[in-house]
Amino acid sequence: MEMEYLKFDLGYLDRGSIVRVTLEGNAANVRLLDRTNLGYYQRGASHRCWGGHYERSPAVLQVPDYGHWYIVVDYGGYAGRGRASVQVLSPQGV
């Protein structure tokens, strides 16, 4: 069975940038991934990410280093789905 998830390409972000993910619907796993770890995630392999399981919205994550970043939202195999939107803020925009 293919894994279902929402993927948002954030492009290149500076260290300290803030990513706000607004969730509508069920609780979800929200992951901030670089390009390499996104590939691992998509293959179902071990990967490094920032974020976790969120039952309340918004999920607010800080970018750890300069680079190309992605947000992935999945429901961990639980029933139900939702929607998500992503906003990138400067470190001062919190």
Protein backbone atom coordinates (compact mmCIF):
# COMPACT_ATOMS: atom_id res chain seq x y z
CA MET A 1 0.00 0.00 0.00
CA GLU A 2 1.36 3.39 -0.98
CA MET A 3 1.87 5.93 1.79
CA GLU A 4 -0.42 8.96 1.56
CA TYR A 5 0.89 12.36 2.55
CA LEU A 6 0.83 16.03 1.68
CA LYS A 7 4.14 17.55 0.56
CA PHE A 8 5.04 21.24 0.50
CA ASP A 9 8.26 22.41 -1.19
CA LEU A 10 9.50 25.38 0.85
CA GLY A 11 12.52 26.12 -1.32
CA TYR A 12 15.71 27.45 0.23
CA LEU A 13 15.31 28.84 3.74
CA ASP A 14 17.70 30.53 6.13
CA ARG A 15 18.56 29.05 9.50
CA GLY A 16 16.09 30.29 12.10
CA SER A 17 13.20 30.75 9.66
CA ILE A 18 9.87 29.79 11.17
CA VAL A 19 7.43 27.46 9.40
CA ARG A 20 3.81 27.53 10.59
CA VAL A 21 1.63 24.60 9.50
CA THR A 22 -2.11 25.05 9.99
CA LEU A 23 -4.01 21.77 10.18
CA GLU A 24 -7.70 21.29 9.42
CA GLY A 25 -9.27 17.98 10.34
CA ASN A 26 -7.57 15.16 12.21
CA ALA A 27 -4.37 15.31 14.21
CA ALA A 28 -1.36 14.69 11.99
CA ASN A 29 2.34 14.02 11.83
CA VAL A 30 4.15 17.13 10.61
CA ARG A 31 7.74 16.71 9.44
CA LEU A 32 10.32 19.26 8.34
CA LEU A 33 12.77 17.46 6.04
CA ASP A 34 15.75 18.37 3.90
CA ARG A 35 16.02 16.92 0.38
CA THR A 36 18.08 13.87 1.40
CA ASN A 37 15.78 12.90 4.26
CA LEU A 38 12.68 13.48 2.13
CA GLY A 39 14.01 10.81 -0.22
CA TYR A 40 14.53 8.41 2.68
CA TYR A 41 11.02 9.16 3.99
CA GLN A 42 9.47 8.53 0.55
CA ARG A 43 11.20 5.14 0.39
CA GLY A 44 10.00 4.23 3.89
CA ALA A 45 13.57 4.24 5.21
CA SER A 46 14.96 5.68 8.42
CA HIS A 47 15.14 9.46 8.18
CA ARG A 48 15.93 12.52 10.28
CA CYS A 49 13.24 15.15 10.66
CA TRP A 50 12.04 17.97 12.85
CA GLY A 51 8.46 18.05 14.08
CA GLY A 52 6.26 15.23 15.30
CA HIS A 53 2.64 14.36 16.05
CA TYR A 54 0.39 17.40 16.48
CA GLU A 55 -3.13 17.28 17.86
CA ARG A 56 -3.53 21.05 17.88
CA SER A 57 -2.93 23.60 15.19
CA PRO A 58 -0.74 25.35 14.29
CA ALA A 59 2.47 23.33 14.32
CA VAL A 60 5.37 25.78 14.51
CA LEU A 61 8.83 24.59 13.47
CA GLN A 62 12.18 26.36 13.27
CA VAL A 63 14.53 25.66 10.36
CA PRO A 64 17.81 24.33 11.85
CA ASP A 65 20.17 25.19 8.95
CA TYR A 66 20.24 26.96 5.59
CA GLY A 67 19.07 24.63 2.84
CA HIS A 68 16.22 23.36 0.69
CA TRP A 69 13.37 22.25 2.96
CA TYR A 70 10.06 20.41 2.69
CA ILE A 71 7.06 19.92 4.95
CA VAL A 72 5.34 16.54 4.90
CA VAL A 73 1.98 16.01 6.60
CA ASP A 74 0.68 12.47 7.09
CA TYR A 75 -1.92 10.81 9.25
CA GLY A 76 0.15 7.84 10.39
CA GLY A 77 -2.22 5.27 8.90
CA TYR A 78 -5.14 6.47 11.03
CA ALA A 79 -8.59 6.86 9.53
CA GLY A 80 -9.61 10.26 8.26
CA ARG A 81 -7.90 13.01 6.42
CA GLY A 82 -7.53 16.72 6.63
CA ARG A 83 -6.03 19.69 4.92
CA ALA A 84 -2.97 21.72 5.71
CA SER A 85 -1.53 25.07 4.76
CA VAL A 86 2.02 26.29 5.27
CA GLN A 87 3.38 29.76 5.94
CA VAL A 88 7.08 30.66 6.14
CA LEU A 89 8.04 33.52 8.44
CA SER A 90 11.33 35.25 9.09
CA PRO A 91 12.85 34.58 12.52
CA GLN A 92 11.38 37.91 13.70
CA GLY A 93 7.89 37.08 12.34
CA VAL A 94 6.77 34.86 15.19
